[in-house]
C-alpha atoms as a PDB file:
ATOM      1  CA  MET A   1       0.256   0.219   0.017  1.00  0.00           C
ATOM      2  CA  VAL A   2       2.641   2.336   1.292  1.00  0.00           C
ATOM      3  CA  ARG A   3       4.493   1.921  -3.074  1.00  0.00           C
ATOM      4  CA  THR A   4       0.611   2.531  -4.210  1.00  0.00           C
ATOM      5  CA  VAL A   5       0.809   6.017  -2.456  1.00  0.00           C
ATOM      6  CA  LYS A   6       4.052   7.020  -3.842  1.00  0.00           C
ATOM      7  CA  HIS A   7       3.459   6.103  -7.403  1.00  0.00           C
ATOM      8  CA  ALA A   8      -0.203   7.121  -7.501  1.00  0.00           C
ATOM      9  CA  ALA A   9       1.190  11.106  -5.967  1.00  0.00           C
ATOM     10  CA  ILE A  10       4.071  10.750  -8.713  1.00  0.00           C
ATOM     11  CA  GLN A  11       1.610   9.944 -11.068  1.00  0.00           C
ATOM     12  CA  SER A  12      -1.064  12.842 -10.370  1.00  0.00           C
ATOM     13  CA  GLY A  13       1.930  15.399 -10.793  1.00  0.00           C
ATOM     14  CA  ILE A  14       1.857  17.159  -7.365  1.00  0.00           C
ATOM     15  CA  ASN A  15       4.322  19.135  -6.703  1.00  0.00           C
ATOM     16  CA  LEU A  16       6.505  16.832  -4.427  1.00  0.00           C
ATOM     17  CA  HIS A  17       8.360  19.776  -2.044  1.00  0.00           C
ATOM     18  CA  SER A  18       4.903  21.088  -1.019  1.00  0.00           C
ATOM     19  CA  ARG A  19       3.212  20.282   2.559  1.00  0.00           C
ATOM     20  CA  PHE A  20      -0.165  18.633   2.785  1.00  0.00           C
ATOM     21  CA  ARG A  21      -2.461  21.645   3.136  1.00  0.00           C
ATOM     22  CA  ASP A  22      -0.895  22.827   0.452  1.00  0.00           C
ATOM     23  CA  LEU A  23      -2.191  20.025  -2.317  1.00  0.00           C
ATOM     24  CA  PRO A  24      -5.128  20.779  -4.536  1.00  0.00           C
ATOM     25  CA  VAL A  25      -7.896  18.583  -3.611  1.00  0.00           C
ATOM     26  CA  ASP A  26      -8.531  17.112  -7.058  1.00  0.00           C
ATOM     27  CA  LYS A  27      -5.168  15.665  -7.508  1.00  0.00           C
ATOM     28  CA  LEU A  28      -5.877  14.323  -3.865  1.00  0.00           C
ATOM     29  CA  ALA A  29      -9.183  12.652  -4.856  1.00  0.00           C
ATOM     30  CA  ASN A  30      -7.606  10.793  -7.756  1.00  0.00           C
ATOM     31  CA  ILE A  31      -4.804   9.476  -5.356  1.00  0.00           C
ATOM     32  CA  TYR A  32      -7.153   8.201  -3.154  1.00  0.00           C
ATOM     33  CA  LYS A  33      -9.067   6.902  -5.541  1.00  0.00           C
ATOM     34  CA  LYS A  34      -6.250   4.999  -7.696  1.00  0.00           C
ATOM     35  CA  VAL A  35      -5.223   3.249  -3.832  1.00  0.00           C
ATOM     36  CA  ARG A  36      -8.675   2.387  -3.400  1.00  0.00           C
ATOM     37  CA  ASP A  37      -9.037   0.566  -6.842  1.00  0.00           C
ATOM     38  CA  THR A  38      -5.823  -0.869  -6.235  1.00  0.00           C
ATOM     39  CA  HIS A  39      -6.313  -2.121  -2.594  1.00  0.00           C
ATOM     40  CA  ASP A  40      -9.471  -3.862  -2.049  1.00  0.00           C
ATOM     41  CA  TYR A  41      -8.861  -3.493   1.814  1.00  0.00           C
ATOM     42  CA  VAL A  42      -9.043   0.112   2.398  1.00  0.00           C
ATOM     43  CA  ASP A  43     -12.607   0.893   0.831  1.00  0.00           C
ATOM     44  CA  LYS A  44     -15.130   3.850   2.297  1.00  0.00           C
ATOM     45  CA  ARG A  45     -16.531   1.652   4.662  1.00  0.00           C
ATOM     46  CA  ARG A  46     -13.881   0.734   6.729  1.00  0.00           C
ATOM     47  CA  PHE A  47     -12.006   4.273   6.501  1.00  0.00           C
ATOM     48  CA  PRO A  48     -14.381   6.865   5.688  1.00  0.00           C
ATOM     49  CA  ALA A  49     -12.525   9.514   5.375  1.00  0.00           C
ATOM     50  CA  ASP A  50      -9.194   7.573   3.765  1.00  0.00           C
ATOM     51  CA  TRP A  51      -6.689   8.059   6.984  1.00  0.00           C
ATOM     52  CA  PRO A  52      -4.766   5.512   5.989  1.00  0.00           C
ATOM     53  CA  VAL A  53      -4.330   7.267   2.852  1.00  0.00           C
ATOM     54  CA  VAL A  54      -3.835  10.671   3.653  1.00  0.00           C
ATOM     55  CA  GLU A  55      -0.950   9.744   6.552  1.00  0.00           C
ATOM     56  CA  LEU A  56       0.894   7.871   4.265  1.00  0.00           C
ATOM     57  CA  LEU A  57       0.445  10.096   1.720  1.00  0.00           C
ATOM     58  CA  LYS A  58       2.238  13.125   4.463  1.00  0.00           C
ATOM     59  CA  GLN A  59       4.701  10.776   5.725  1.00  0.00           C
ATOM     60  CA  PHE A  60       5.682  10.260   1.948  1.00  0.00           C
ATOM     61  CA  LEU A  61       6.114  14.253   1.101  1.00  0.00           C
ATOM     62  CA  LYS A  62       7.584  15.102   4.666  1.00  0.00           C
ATOM     63  CA  ASN A  63      10.475  12.070   3.801  1.00  0.00           C
ATOM     64  CA  HIS A  64      10.499  13.561   0.736  1.00  0.00           C
ATOM     65  CA  ARG A  65      11.599  16.899   1.496  1.00  0.00           C
ATOM     66  CA  LYS A  66      13.941  16.152   4.359  1.00  0.00           C
ATOM     67  CA  HIS A  67      15.869  13.459   1.547  1.00  0.00           C
ATOM     68  CA  ASP A  68      15.696  16.375  -0.630  1.00  0.00           C
ATOM     69  CA  CYS A  69      17.202  19.474   1.645  1.00  0.00           C
ATOM     70  CA  LYS A  70      20.087  17.076   2.909  1.00  0.00           C
ATOM     71  CA  VAL A  71      21.141  16.318  -0.265  1.00  0.00           C
ATOM     72  CA  GLY A  72      21.024  20.310  -0.908  1.00  0.00           C
ATOM     73  CA  ARG A  73      18.007  19.396  -4.124  1.00  0.00           C
ATOM     74  CA  LEU A  74      16.178  22.056  -1.522  1.00  0.00           C
ATOM     75  CA  GLU A  75      16.737  24.513   1.060  1.00  0.00           C
ATOM     76  CA  PRO A  76      15.358  24.404   4.235  1.00  0.00           C
ATOM     77  CA  TYR A  77      12.135  26.088   4.757  1.00  0.00           C
ATOM     78  CA  ARG A  78      12.491  28.274   7.544  1.00  0.00           C
ATOM     79  CA  ARG A  79      15.448  29.821   5.511  1.00  0.00           C
ATOM     80  CA  ALA A  80      14.223  29.619   2.466  1.00  0.00           C
ATOM     81  CA  ARG A  81      10.860  30.927   4.322  1.00  0.00           C
ATOM     82  CA  ALA A  82      13.158  33.672   5.559  1.00  0.00           C
ATOM     83  CA  GLN A  83      14.402  34.808   2.155  1.00  0.00           C
ATOM     84  CA  HIS A  84      11.223  35.223   0.761  1.00  0.00           C
ATOM     85  CA  GLN A  85       9.313  37.455   3.481  1.00  0.00           C
ATOM     86  CA  ALA A  86       9.998  41.127   2.851  1.00  0.00           C
ATOM     87  CA  PRO A  87      11.827  42.948   5.631  1.00  0.00           C
ATOM     88  CA  ASN A  88       9.797  44.245   8.751  1.00  0.00           C
ATOM     89  CA  THR A  89      10.453  48.057   8.056  1.00  0.00           C
ATOM     90  CA  ASN A  90       7.350  49.208  10.798  1.00  0.00           C
ATOM     91  CA  THR A  91       9.196  47.938  13.645  1.00  0.00           C
ATOM     92  CA  LEU A  92       8.237  48.551  17.298  1.00  0.00           C
ATOM     93  CA  PRO A  93      10.420  50.920  19.907  1.00  0.00           C
ATOM     94  CA  ASN A  94      11.698  48.848  22.923  1.00  0.00           C
ATOM     95  CA  ILE A  95      10.286  49.819  26.405  1.00  0.00           C
ATOM     96  CA  ASP A  96      13.672  49.031  28.112  1.00  0.00           C
ATOM     97  CA  ASP A  97      15.023  52.139  26.008  1.00  0.00           C
ATOM     98  CA  GLU A  98      12.421  54.462  26.578  1.00  0.00           C
ATOM     99  CA  GLU A  99      13.202  56.898  29.751  1.00  0.00           C
ATOM    100  CA  ASP A 100      10.790  56.892  31.867  1.00  0.00           C
ATOM    101  CA  SER A 101       9.183  60.408  32.660  1.00  0.00           C
ATOM    102  CA  ASN A 102       8.114  60.418  36.104  1.00  0.00           C
END
């Protein structure tokens, strides 16, 4: 079943570097359907929300991102996020730096 989830994810054309919550719903539905068609045990009666497929897909995406970071194909999420954010020019003054007027 793990192999089927992996192959279905690759065949669906999803971005393997994205997080699960960022994936398009229609592509996720195609992955769930392919796994259900391949494995008779994973049906709507036993698993109404397809939770085993969801968890296996999350695990696959996480492992794929971690491996790509390790071999240098992908920047770590925090560093990439910090580079893409605009610098915050509206900083608040530090309260400790102000002198008391009392």
